[in-house]
Every structure is written in structure tokens, then in C-alpha cells.
Amino acid sequence: MLGIEIAKAGGQVVHANGDADLDIVLEAVNTSLIHSTTVIGEDTDLLVLLLYHLKHPVDSEKLYFRTDKEAKHIKVYDIALIKQIMGERVCKRLLFLHAFTGCDTTSRIFRIGKSTAFSRLMKSIKLGKSADLFTTVGKNVEEISTAGCEAMLTLFNSKEESLAKLRHNQLTSKVFSSKGGWDGLVV
């Protein structure tokens, strides 16, 4: 009903069937071709998607992302400037990293935050290659699975050759660092 009233008043309305983040970003990118556009929100997803989907910053008017916090904490990001500084490749890898590490705190990887993951992405050739593979069309399940395992091992700074071995070593470490050791382990 609100959309109908906004449209009657001359506003542009887009109805999303599911999660609206992508619809918001694509509409903002298209609108920025005509005039300066600001996306207001709290969701990091929006910022990451804006950086990925703004393809030709030179051909666009200004595109901003602004947080919707209290007036003294508002942050405004110039998407074209950030994309120019970071580069197309990093923005593409950022999309992978954001999805891979969990789009929110509920689904994030245990003990691996966004800043840690980003730092490792910038330093690791192996993690960069995994990110590139994930965002390349036409890769098969085996290639993606292998790249996912390598990405996870890299995020944990593991020297192990498999996730199973990493899990085993972490479990063993936790058990021995607990008060009861193996005797205190309840299975």
C-alpha cells in the first residue's frame, strides 16, 4: 500500500520478491547514470554490492552509501572513489569474501571477522586465486570445492593440507587446553 501511495506522488517504486538488497543496489546504480544518488542503510551487504555493481564510475553521476545512524555518527562513502582506490579486482574479490565469511554475525566464521578476512585477502595470493575462481563463470563443482577448502585453510592461517586435519588439530588443542583434558571430554 505504501508503494502505491509513493508511486501516486510521483516516486519510483520497485517491489522485491525476496531480499531487496540487490534490487536496491541495481536501481541505485541505474539512477546514478542520470543524477547523484545516495543509498541509505546499515547493511554492509549494500556497500559490498554497490562496489561490485558500479561498472563505469566515470559515466555516472555521484553514487554514495550513507549509514542511517544518529546524526553524530553518520558515515558517507563515495562508491566511485572507493572503487577507484581499491580497484575492480579487489571489489570483485570483496563480494566473494563477504559471502564466504558470512553476511552477518550470525553466519560468520568462528573467530574470523571481516577485517581479519580482508587483511588476509590483501596479503594472500592463494586466497585471491580462490576468490577469483569463485567469481568465474563455468567452473565445475570440484574446482569450487577445492578453492573453498583452500580459502578456509588460508583464513585460519593453517599449514594443513585439509579441512579435516585442521578440525582435528583445533579440537585436540581445545581439549588439551581445557581443565580436564581427555578425561573431561564428554562424548
N, C-alpha and C. Protein backbone atom coordinates (compact mmCIF):
# COMPACT_ATOMS: atom_id res chain seq x y z
N MET A 1 0.83 -1.20 0.00
CA MET A 1 0.00 0.00 0.00
C MET A 1 0.87 1.26 0.00
N LEU A 2 1.96 1.21 0.75
CA LEU A 2 2.85 2.36 0.81
C LEU A 2 3.44 2.63 -0.58
N GLY A 3 3.83 1.56 -1.27
CA GLY A 3 4.39 1.70 -2.61
C GLY A 3 3.41 2.35 -3.57
N ILE A 4 2.16 2.00 -3.46
CA ILE A 4 1.12 2.59 -4.32
C ILE A 4 1.02 4.09 -4.07
N GLU A 5 1.04 4.49 -2.82
CA GLU A 5 0.94 5.91 -2.48
C GLU A 5 2.17 6.69 -2.93
N ILE A 6 3.34 6.09 -2.79
CA ILE A 6 4.58 6.75 -3.24
C ILE A 6 4.55 6.92 -4.75
N ALA A 7 4.12 5.89 -5.46
CA ALA A 7 4.02 5.97 -6.93
C ALA A 7 3.02 7.04 -7.34
N LYS A 8 1.89 7.15 -6.65
CA LYS A 8 0.90 8.18 -6.96
C LYS A 8 1.48 9.58 -6.80
N ALA A 9 2.39 9.73 -5.83
CA ALA A 9 3.01 11.03 -5.58
C ALA A 9 4.18 11.30 -6.52
N GLY A 10 4.44 10.38 -7.46
CA GLY A 10 5.50 10.59 -8.45
C GLY A 10 6.81 9.91 -8.11
N GLY A 11 6.86 9.16 -7.02
CA GLY A 11 8.08 8.46 -6.64
C GLY A 11 8.24 7.18 -7.42
N GLN A 12 9.46 6.73 -7.53
CA GLN A 12 9.75 5.48 -8.22
C GLN A 12 9.73 4.36 -7.20
N VAL A 13 9.03 3.28 -7.50
CA VAL A 13 8.88 2.16 -6.57
C VAL A 13 9.30 0.87 -7.26
N VAL A 14 10.10 0.08 -6.55
CA VAL A 14 10.48 -1.24 -7.03
C VAL A 14 10.06 -2.24 -5.96
N HIS A 15 9.29 -3.24 -6.33
CA HIS A 15 8.85 -4.27 -5.39
C HIS A 15 9.77 -5.48 -5.51
N ALA A 16 10.30 -5.90 -4.37
CA ALA A 16 11.20 -7.06 -4.35
C ALA A 16 10.45 -8.29 -3.88
N ASN A 17 10.66 -9.40 -4.55
CA ASN A 17 10.03 -10.65 -4.14
C ASN A 17 10.75 -11.29 -2.96
N GLY A 18 12.05 -11.09 -2.86
CA GLY A 18 12.84 -11.67 -1.78
C GLY A 18 13.65 -10.60 -1.09
N ASP A 19 14.90 -10.92 -0.81
CA ASP A 19 15.81 -9.96 -0.19
C ASP A 19 15.99 -8.79 -1.14
N ALA A 20 15.78 -7.58 -0.66
CA ALA A 20 15.74 -6.41 -1.53
C ALA A 20 17.11 -5.80 -1.81
N ASP A 21 18.17 -6.26 -1.15
CA ASP A 21 19.47 -5.62 -1.29
C ASP A 21 19.92 -5.47 -2.75
N LEU A 22 19.86 -6.55 -3.51
CA LEU A 22 20.30 -6.49 -4.90
C LEU A 22 19.43 -5.54 -5.71
N ASP A 23 18.12 -5.58 -5.51
CA ASP A 23 17.21 -4.67 -6.22
C ASP A 23 17.53 -3.21 -5.90
N ILE A 24 17.80 -2.93 -4.63
CA ILE A 24 18.14 -1.57 -4.20
C ILE A 24 19.41 -1.10 -4.90
N VAL A 25 20.42 -1.95 -4.90
CA VAL A 25 21.71 -1.59 -5.49
C VAL A 25 21.61 -1.40 -7.00
N LEU A 26 20.96 -2.31 -7.69
CA LEU A 26 20.84 -2.18 -9.15
C LEU A 26 20.06 -0.93 -9.53
N GLU A 27 19.02 -0.62 -8.78
CA GLU A 27 18.24 0.59 -9.03
C GLU A 27 19.09 1.84 -8.77
N ALA A 28 19.86 1.83 -7.70
CA ALA A 28 20.73 2.96 -7.37
C ALA A 28 21.80 3.17 -8.44
N VAL A 29 22.40 2.08 -8.91
CA VAL A 29 23.43 2.18 -9.96
C VAL A 29 22.82 2.75 -11.24
N ASN A 30 21.64 2.27 -11.62
CA ASN A 30 20.97 2.79 -12.82
C ASN A 30 20.59 4.26 -12.66
N THR A 31 20.09 4.63 -11.51
CA THR A 31 19.70 6.02 -11.24
C THR A 31 20.93 6.93 -11.25
N SER A 32 22.07 6.42 -10.80
CA SER A 32 23.29 7.24 -10.77
C SER A 32 23.79 7.58 -12.17
N LEU A 33 23.29 6.90 -13.18
CA LEU A 33 23.65 7.27 -14.56
C LEU A 33 22.99 8.59 -14.95
N ILE A 34 21.91 8.94 -14.25
CA ILE A 34 21.14 10.14 -14.57
C ILE A 34 21.44 11.29 -13.61
N HIS A 35 21.47 10.98 -12.31
CA HIS A 35 21.74 12.03 -11.32
C HIS A 35 22.37 11.44 -10.06
N SER A 36 22.94 12.30 -9.24
CA SER A 36 23.58 11.88 -8.00
C SER A 36 22.59 11.08 -7.15
N THR A 37 23.07 9.98 -6.59
CA THR A 37 22.20 9.05 -5.87
C THR A 37 22.86 8.64 -4.56
N THR A 38 22.06 8.56 -3.50
CA THR A 38 22.55 8.10 -2.20
C THR A 38 21.69 6.94 -1.72
N VAL A 39 22.36 5.85 -1.37
CA VAL A 39 21.69 4.70 -0.75
C VAL A 39 21.90 4.85 0.75
N ILE A 40 20.82 4.80 1.51
CA ILE A 40 20.90 4.94 2.96
C ILE A 40 20.56 3.60 3.58
N GLY A 41 21.44 3.10 4.44
CA GLY A 41 21.19 1.82 5.09
C GLY A 41 22.28 1.47 6.08
N GLU A 42 22.09 0.39 6.78
CA GLU A 42 23.05 -0.09 7.78
C GLU A 42 23.78 -1.33 7.31
N ASP A 43 23.29 -1.95 6.30
CA ASP A 43 23.74 -3.27 5.88
C ASP A 43 25.03 -3.21 5.07
N THR A 44 26.06 -3.90 5.54
CA THR A 44 27.33 -3.99 4.80
C THR A 44 27.10 -4.60 3.43
N ASP A 45 26.08 -5.46 3.32
CA ASP A 45 25.75 -6.06 2.03
C ASP A 45 25.57 -5.00 0.96
N LEU A 46 24.90 -3.91 1.32
CA LEU A 46 24.64 -2.83 0.35
C LEU A 46 25.94 -2.21 -0.14
N LEU A 47 26.85 -1.93 0.78
CA LEU A 47 28.14 -1.33 0.41
C LEU A 47 28.93 -2.26 -0.51
N VAL A 48 29.01 -3.53 -0.16
CA VAL A 48 29.75 -4.50 -0.97
C VAL A 48 29.13 -4.63 -2.35
N LEU A 49 27.80 -4.73 -2.41
CA LEU A 49 27.11 -4.85 -3.70
C LEU A 49 27.28 -3.59 -4.55
N LEU A 50 27.25 -2.43 -3.93
CA LEU A 50 27.47 -1.18 -4.68
C LEU A 50 28.86 -1.16 -5.30
N LEU A 51 29.86 -1.55 -4.52
CA LEU A 51 31.24 -1.57 -5.04
C LEU A 51 31.38 -2.55 -6.20
N TYR A 52 30.67 -3.65 -6.13
CA TYR A 52 30.75 -4.65 -7.19
C TYR A 52 29.98 -4.22 -8.44
N HIS A 53 28.79 -3.70 -8.28
CA HIS A 53 27.90 -3.45 -9.42
C HIS A 53 28.12 -2.12 -10.13
N LEU A 54 28.81 -1.17 -9.52
CA LEU A 54 29.11 0.07 -10.23
C LEU A 54 30.22 -0.23 -11.23
N LYS A 55 29.84 -0.39 -12.50
CA LYS A 55 30.80 -0.86 -13.51
C LYS A 55 31.56 0.28 -14.19
N HIS A 56 30.92 1.41 -14.41
CA HIS A 56 31.56 2.51 -15.13
C HIS A 56 31.42 3.81 -14.34
N PRO A 57 32.22 3.94 -13.27
CA PRO A 57 32.11 5.12 -12.42
C PRO A 57 32.28 6.44 -13.17
N VAL A 58 33.06 6.45 -14.22
CA VAL A 58 33.32 7.67 -14.97
C VAL A 58 32.06 8.15 -15.68
N ASP A 59 31.21 7.21 -16.13
CA ASP A 59 29.99 7.55 -16.85
C ASP A 59 28.83 7.91 -15.93
N SER A 60 29.04 7.81 -14.62
CA SER A 60 27.96 8.02 -13.67
C SER A 60 28.08 9.36 -12.97
N GLU A 61 26.96 9.80 -12.45
CA GLU A 61 26.97 10.91 -11.50
C GLU A 61 27.46 10.30 -10.19
N LYS A 62 27.48 11.07 -9.13
CA LYS A 62 27.96 10.56 -7.85
C LYS A 62 27.01 9.49 -7.30
N LEU A 63 27.59 8.44 -6.75
CA LEU A 63 26.84 7.39 -6.08
C LEU A 63 27.43 7.24 -4.68
N TYR A 64 26.58 7.43 -3.68
CA TYR A 64 27.02 7.39 -2.29
C TYR A 64 26.30 6.30 -1.53
N PHE A 65 26.95 5.83 -0.47
CA PHE A 65 26.31 4.97 0.52
C PHE A 65 26.44 5.70 1.85
N ARG A 66 25.32 5.86 2.53
CA ARG A 66 25.31 6.58 3.80
C ARG A 66 24.69 5.70 4.87
N THR A 67 25.36 5.69 6.03
CA THR A 67 24.78 4.96 7.16
C THR A 67 23.61 5.74 7.71
N ASP A 68 22.72 5.04 8.33
CA ASP A 68 21.50 5.65 8.85
C ASP A 68 21.53 5.72 10.37
N LYS A 69 22.68 6.04 10.91
CA LYS A 69 22.82 6.11 12.36
C LYS A 69 22.51 7.52 12.85
N GLU A 70 22.66 7.71 14.14
CA GLU A 70 22.45 9.02 14.75
C GLU A 70 23.31 10.06 14.03
N ALA A 71 22.85 11.30 14.02
CA ALA A 71 23.49 12.38 13.26
C ALA A 71 24.99 12.51 13.51
N LYS A 72 25.46 12.29 14.73
CA LYS A 72 26.89 12.48 15.01
C LYS A 72 27.76 11.31 14.53
N HIS A 73 27.14 10.20 14.10
CA HIS A 73 27.91 9.04 13.65
C HIS A 73 27.67 8.66 12.19
N ILE A 74 27.04 9.52 11.44
CA ILE A 74 26.75 9.21 10.04
C ILE A 74 28.05 9.14 9.24
N LYS A 75 28.16 8.12 8.41
CA LYS A 75 29.31 7.98 7.52
C LYS A 75 28.78 7.97 6.10
N VAL A 76 29.48 8.69 5.21
CA VAL A 76 29.10 8.73 3.81
C VAL A 76 30.28 8.22 2.99
N TYR A 77 30.00 7.25 2.11
CA TYR A 77 31.03 6.64 1.28
C TYR A 77 30.79 6.99 -0.18
N ASP A 78 31.80 7.51 -0.85
CA ASP A 78 31.75 7.79 -2.28
C ASP A 78 32.15 6.50 -2.98
N ILE A 79 31.19 5.82 -3.57
CA ILE A 79 31.41 4.49 -4.14
C ILE A 79 32.44 4.51 -5.27
N ALA A 80 32.34 5.48 -6.16
CA ALA A 80 33.29 5.56 -7.29
C ALA A 80 34.72 5.78 -6.79
N LEU A 81 34.88 6.63 -5.79
CA LEU A 81 36.21 6.90 -5.25
C LEU A 81 36.79 5.66 -4.58
N ILE A 82 35.98 4.99 -3.79
CA ILE A 82 36.44 3.76 -3.12
C ILE A 82 36.81 2.71 -4.16
N LYS A 83 35.96 2.58 -5.18
CA LYS A 83 36.23 1.58 -6.23
C LYS A 83 37.51 1.94 -6.99
N GLN A 84 37.74 3.21 -7.23
CA GLN A 84 38.96 3.65 -7.90
C GLN A 84 40.19 3.31 -7.05
N ILE A 85 40.11 3.54 -5.77
CA ILE A 85 41.23 3.27 -4.87
C ILE A 85 41.47 1.76 -4.73
N MET A 86 40.39 1.01 -4.54
CA MET A 86 40.53 -0.44 -4.33
C MET A 86 40.79 -1.20 -5.63
N GLY A 87 40.21 -0.74 -6.71
CA GLY A 87 40.35 -1.42 -7.99
C GLY A 87 39.25 -2.43 -8.23
N GLU A 88 39.00 -2.70 -9.49
CA GLU A 88 37.93 -3.62 -9.90
C GLU A 88 38.14 -5.03 -9.33
N ARG A 89 39.38 -5.49 -9.39
CA ARG A 89 39.67 -6.85 -8.94
C ARG A 89 39.39 -7.04 -7.45
N VAL A 90 39.81 -6.08 -6.63
CA VAL A 90 39.58 -6.18 -5.19
C VAL A 90 38.08 -6.10 -4.88
N CYS A 91 37.36 -5.24 -5.59
CA CYS A 91 35.91 -5.14 -5.36
C CYS A 91 35.20 -6.44 -5.72
N LYS A 92 35.67 -7.11 -6.74
CA LYS A 92 35.10 -8.42 -7.12
C LYS A 92 35.43 -9.46 -6.06
N ARG A 93 36.66 -9.44 -5.57
CA ARG A 93 37.06 -10.37 -4.52
C ARG A 93 36.33 -10.07 -3.21
N LEU A 94 36.04 -8.82 -2.97
CA LEU A 94 35.32 -8.42 -1.77
C LEU A 94 33.93 -9.03 -1.72
N LEU A 95 33.29 -9.12 -2.88
CA LEU A 95 31.97 -9.76 -2.98
C LEU A 95 32.08 -11.21 -2.53
N PHE A 96 33.08 -11.93 -3.03
CA PHE A 96 33.31 -13.31 -2.62
C PHE A 96 33.56 -13.39 -1.11
N LEU A 97 34.46 -12.55 -0.62
CA LEU A 97 34.86 -12.61 0.78
C LEU A 97 33.68 -12.33 1.71
N HIS A 98 32.86 -11.38 1.35
CA HIS A 98 31.69 -11.04 2.17
C HIS A 98 30.73 -12.23 2.26
N ALA A 99 30.48 -12.86 1.15
CA ALA A 99 29.58 -14.01 1.14
C ALA A 99 30.23 -15.21 1.85
N PHE A 100 31.50 -15.45 1.59
CA PHE A 100 32.20 -16.62 2.12
C PHE A 100 32.33 -16.55 3.64
N THR A 101 32.57 -15.36 4.18
CA THR A 101 32.78 -15.23 5.62
C THR A 101 31.48 -15.04 6.39
N GLY A 102 30.37 -15.02 5.71
CA GLY A 102 29.08 -14.85 6.37
C GLY A 102 28.63 -13.41 6.26
N CYS A 103 27.46 -13.22 5.75
CA CYS A 103 26.97 -11.86 5.50
C CYS A 103 26.58 -11.11 6.77
N ASP A 104 26.48 -11.81 7.89
CA ASP A 104 26.17 -11.15 9.16
C ASP A 104 26.84 -11.91 10.29
N THR A 105 26.72 -11.38 11.52
CA THR A 105 27.41 -12.00 12.64
C THR A 105 26.86 -13.39 12.98
N THR A 106 25.63 -13.65 12.63
CA THR A 106 25.04 -14.95 12.91
C THR A 106 25.68 -16.05 12.07
N SER A 107 26.01 -15.74 10.83
CA SER A 107 26.54 -16.77 9.93
C SER A 107 28.05 -16.65 9.72
N ARG A 108 28.70 -15.81 10.49
CA ARG A 108 30.14 -15.62 10.27
C ARG A 108 30.96 -16.83 10.70
N ILE A 109 32.17 -16.91 10.18
CA ILE A 109 33.09 -17.99 10.51
C ILE A 109 33.63 -17.75 11.92
N PHE A 110 33.68 -18.79 12.73
CA PHE A 110 34.14 -18.69 14.11
C PHE A 110 35.52 -18.04 14.19
N ARG A 111 35.62 -16.98 14.96
CA ARG A 111 36.86 -16.23 15.24
C ARG A 111 37.46 -15.52 14.02
N ILE A 112 36.77 -15.46 12.92
CA ILE A 112 37.29 -14.76 11.74
C ILE A 112 36.32 -13.62 11.40
N GLY A 113 36.72 -12.40 11.73
CA GLY A 113 35.89 -11.24 11.42
C GLY A 113 36.18 -10.71 10.02
N LYS A 114 35.38 -9.74 9.59
CA LYS A 114 35.53 -9.16 8.25
C LYS A 114 36.90 -8.50 8.07
N SER A 115 37.37 -7.78 9.08
CA SER A 115 38.65 -7.08 8.91
C SER A 115 39.81 -8.07 8.83
N THR A 116 39.76 -9.14 9.62
CA THR A 116 40.80 -10.18 9.55
C THR A 116 40.78 -10.83 8.17
N ALA A 117 39.59 -11.17 7.70
CA ALA A 117 39.46 -11.82 6.40
C ALA A 117 39.95 -10.90 5.28
N PHE A 118 39.60 -9.61 5.35
CA PHE A 118 40.04 -8.67 4.32
C PHE A 118 41.56 -8.53 4.34
N SER A 119 42.13 -8.44 5.53
CA SER A 119 43.59 -8.33 5.64
C SER A 119 44.28 -9.55 5.02
N ARG A 120 43.73 -10.72 5.27
CA ARG A 120 44.32 -11.95 4.70
C ARG A 120 44.13 -12.00 3.19
N LEU A 121 43.00 -11.50 2.73
CA LEU A 121 42.76 -11.45 1.28
C LEU A 121 43.80 -10.56 0.60
N MET A 122 44.12 -9.43 1.21
CA MET A 122 45.06 -8.49 0.61
C MET A 122 46.49 -9.03 0.63
N LYS A 123 46.80 -9.94 1.55
CA LYS A 123 48.16 -10.46 1.69
C LYS A 123 48.38 -11.81 1.03
N SER A 124 47.30 -12.55 0.77
CA SER A 124 47.44 -13.93 0.32
C SER A 124 47.12 -14.10 -1.16
N ILE A 125 48.10 -14.52 -1.92
CA ILE A 125 47.89 -14.82 -3.33
C ILE A 125 46.92 -16.00 -3.47
N LYS A 126 47.08 -17.01 -2.59
CA LYS A 126 46.23 -18.21 -2.63
C LYS A 126 44.76 -17.86 -2.39
N LEU A 127 44.48 -17.00 -1.40
CA LEU A 127 43.10 -16.60 -1.12
C LEU A 127 42.54 -15.78 -2.28
N GLY A 128 43.36 -14.93 -2.87
CA GLY A 128 42.94 -14.15 -4.04
C GLY A 128 42.57 -15.04 -5.22
N LYS A 129 43.37 -16.09 -5.43
CA LYS A 129 43.07 -17.04 -6.52
C LYS A 129 41.77 -17.79 -6.25
N SER A 130 41.54 -18.15 -4.99
CA SER A 130 40.28 -18.83 -4.63
C SER A 130 39.11 -17.90 -4.90
N ALA A 131 39.24 -16.64 -4.51
CA ALA A 131 38.17 -15.66 -4.74
C ALA A 131 37.91 -15.50 -6.23
N ASP A 132 38.97 -15.42 -7.02
CA ASP A 132 38.81 -15.27 -8.47
C ASP A 132 38.10 -16.48 -9.07
N LEU A 133 38.45 -17.67 -8.60
CA LEU A 133 37.82 -18.87 -9.12
C LEU A 133 36.33 -18.89 -8.79
N PHE A 134 35.97 -18.50 -7.57
CA PHE A 134 34.57 -18.48 -7.16
C PHE A 134 33.73 -17.53 -8.01
N THR A 135 34.34 -16.46 -8.48
CA THR A 135 33.58 -15.46 -9.23
C THR A 135 33.76 -15.60 -10.75
N THR A 136 34.28 -16.74 -11.18
CA THR A 136 34.44 -17.01 -12.60
C THR A 136 33.34 -17.96 -13.05
N VAL A 137 32.62 -17.57 -14.08
CA VAL A 137 31.53 -18.39 -14.61
C VAL A 137 32.09 -19.65 -15.26
N GLY A 138 31.40 -20.77 -15.08
CA GLY A 138 31.75 -22.00 -15.78
C GLY A 138 32.66 -22.94 -15.02
N LYS A 139 32.99 -22.64 -13.77
CA LYS A 139 33.84 -23.55 -13.01
C LYS A 139 33.00 -24.73 -12.52
N ASN A 140 33.62 -25.91 -12.45
CA ASN A 140 32.87 -27.09 -12.02
C ASN A 140 32.89 -27.23 -10.50
N VAL A 141 32.09 -28.15 -10.00
CA VAL A 141 31.92 -28.34 -8.56
C VAL A 141 33.25 -28.69 -7.88
N GLU A 142 34.02 -29.54 -8.52
CA GLU A 142 35.32 -29.95 -7.95
C GLU A 142 36.25 -28.75 -7.76
N GLU A 143 36.35 -27.90 -8.78
CA GLU A 143 37.21 -26.72 -8.69
C GLU A 143 36.74 -25.78 -7.58
N ILE A 144 35.44 -25.57 -7.48
CA ILE A 144 34.89 -24.67 -6.47
C ILE A 144 35.08 -25.26 -5.08
N SER A 145 34.88 -26.55 -4.94
CA SER A 145 35.07 -27.22 -3.65
C SER A 145 36.52 -27.10 -3.18
N THR A 146 37.44 -27.37 -4.08
CA THR A 146 38.87 -27.26 -3.75
C THR A 146 39.24 -25.83 -3.36
N ALA A 147 38.75 -24.87 -4.14
CA ALA A 147 39.03 -23.46 -3.84
C ALA A 147 38.43 -23.05 -2.50
N GLY A 148 37.24 -23.57 -2.18
CA GLY A 148 36.60 -23.26 -0.90
C GLY A 148 37.41 -23.80 0.27
N CYS A 149 37.91 -25.02 0.14
CA CYS A 149 38.75 -25.60 1.19
C CYS A 149 40.04 -24.81 1.36
N GLU A 150 40.66 -24.44 0.25
CA GLU A 150 41.89 -23.64 0.31
C GLU A 150 41.63 -22.28 0.93
N ALA A 151 40.51 -21.67 0.59
CA ALA A 151 40.16 -20.37 1.16
C ALA A 151 39.98 -20.47 2.67
N MET A 152 39.29 -21.51 3.12
CA MET A 152 39.06 -21.68 4.56
C MET A 152 40.37 -21.92 5.30
N LEU A 153 41.23 -22.76 4.75
CA LEU A 153 42.54 -23.01 5.36
C LEU A 153 43.35 -21.72 5.44
N THR A 154 43.29 -20.91 4.40
CA THR A 154 44.03 -19.65 4.38
C THR A 154 43.47 -18.68 5.42
N LEU A 155 42.16 -18.60 5.54
CA LEU A 155 41.56 -17.70 6.53
C LEU A 155 41.99 -18.07 7.95
N PHE A 156 42.20 -19.36 8.20
CA PHE A 156 42.64 -19.80 9.53
C PHE A 156 44.16 -19.84 9.65
N ASN A 157 44.86 -19.35 8.64
CA ASN A 157 46.33 -19.36 8.65
C ASN A 157 46.87 -20.76 8.89
N SER A 158 46.23 -21.76 8.34
CA SER A 158 46.60 -23.14 8.57
C SER A 158 47.65 -23.61 7.58
N LYS A 159 48.54 -24.41 8.08
CA LYS A 159 49.54 -25.05 7.21
C LYS A 159 49.09 -26.45 6.80
N GLU A 160 47.93 -26.87 7.30
CA GLU A 160 47.40 -28.20 7.00
C GLU A 160 46.99 -28.29 5.53
N GLU A 161 46.90 -29.53 5.04
CA GLU A 161 46.52 -29.74 3.64
C GLU A 161 45.04 -30.04 3.49
N SER A 162 44.32 -30.21 4.61
CA SER A 162 42.88 -30.49 4.51
C SER A 162 42.12 -29.86 5.67
N LEU A 163 40.83 -29.62 5.43
CA LEU A 163 39.98 -29.09 6.50
C LEU A 163 39.80 -30.10 7.62
N ALA A 164 39.74 -31.39 7.27
CA ALA A 164 39.58 -32.43 8.29
C ALA A 164 40.75 -32.39 9.28
N LYS A 165 41.95 -32.25 8.76
CA LYS A 165 43.14 -32.20 9.62
C LYS A 165 43.13 -30.93 10.48
N LEU A 166 42.72 -29.81 9.90
CA LEU A 166 42.61 -28.56 10.66
C LEU A 166 41.59 -28.72 11.79
N ARG A 167 40.42 -29.28 11.49
CA ARG A 167 39.40 -29.50 12.53
C ARG A 167 39.93 -30.40 13.65
N HIS A 168 40.59 -31.47 13.26
CA HIS A 168 41.15 -32.40 14.25
C HIS A 168 42.16 -31.68 15.15
N ASN A 169 43.05 -30.93 14.56
CA ASN A 169 44.07 -30.22 15.35
C ASN A 169 43.45 -29.18 16.27
N GLN A 170 42.42 -28.49 15.80
CA GLN A 170 41.78 -27.49 16.65
C GLN A 170 41.03 -28.15 17.80
N LEU A 171 40.35 -29.26 17.54
CA LEU A 171 39.66 -29.99 18.59
C LEU A 171 40.66 -30.49 19.63
N THR A 172 41.74 -31.09 19.17
CA THR A 172 42.77 -31.61 20.06
C THR A 172 43.33 -30.49 20.93
N SER A 173 43.60 -29.36 20.33
CA SER A 173 44.13 -28.21 21.06
C SER A 173 43.16 -27.73 22.12
N LYS A 174 41.88 -27.65 21.77
CA LYS A 174 40.85 -27.20 22.73
C LYS A 174 40.73 -28.19 23.89
N VAL A 175 40.74 -29.47 23.59
CA VAL A 175 40.59 -30.49 24.63
C VAL A 175 41.76 -30.42 25.61
N PHE A 176 42.98 -30.34 25.08
CA PHE A 176 44.14 -30.32 25.96
C PHE A 176 44.29 -29.01 26.72
N SER A 177 43.72 -27.94 26.21
CA SER A 177 43.81 -26.67 26.93
C SER A 177 42.69 -26.53 27.96
N SER A 178 41.69 -27.43 27.92
CA SER A 178 40.63 -27.40 28.92
C SER A 178 41.13 -28.02 30.23
N LYS A 179 40.42 -27.81 31.29
CA LYS A 179 40.86 -28.28 32.61
C LYS A 179 40.98 -29.80 32.69
N GLY A 180 40.05 -30.51 32.11
CA GLY A 180 40.03 -31.97 32.28
C GLY A 180 40.82 -32.75 31.25
N GLY A 181 41.31 -32.08 30.18
CA GLY A 181 41.99 -32.81 29.13
C GLY A 181 41.05 -33.85 28.52
N TRP A 182 41.59 -34.99 28.11
CA TRP A 182 40.75 -36.05 27.52
C TRP A 182 39.79 -36.62 28.57
N ASP A 183 40.20 -36.60 29.86
CA ASP A 183 39.33 -37.16 30.91
C ASP A 183 38.05 -36.35 31.08
N GLY A 184 38.13 -35.04 30.79
CA GLY A 184 36.95 -34.18 30.94
C GLY A 184 36.07 -34.12 29.72
N LEU A 185 36.45 -34.84 28.66
CA LEU A 185 35.69 -34.82 27.40
C LEU A 185 34.46 -35.70 27.51
N VAL A 186 33.31 -35.11 27.25
CA VAL A 186 32.06 -35.87 27.25
C VAL A 186 31.63 -36.03 25.81
N VAL A 187 31.41 -37.27 25.39
CA VAL A 187 31.01 -37.55 24.01
C VAL A 187 29.58 -38.02 23.99
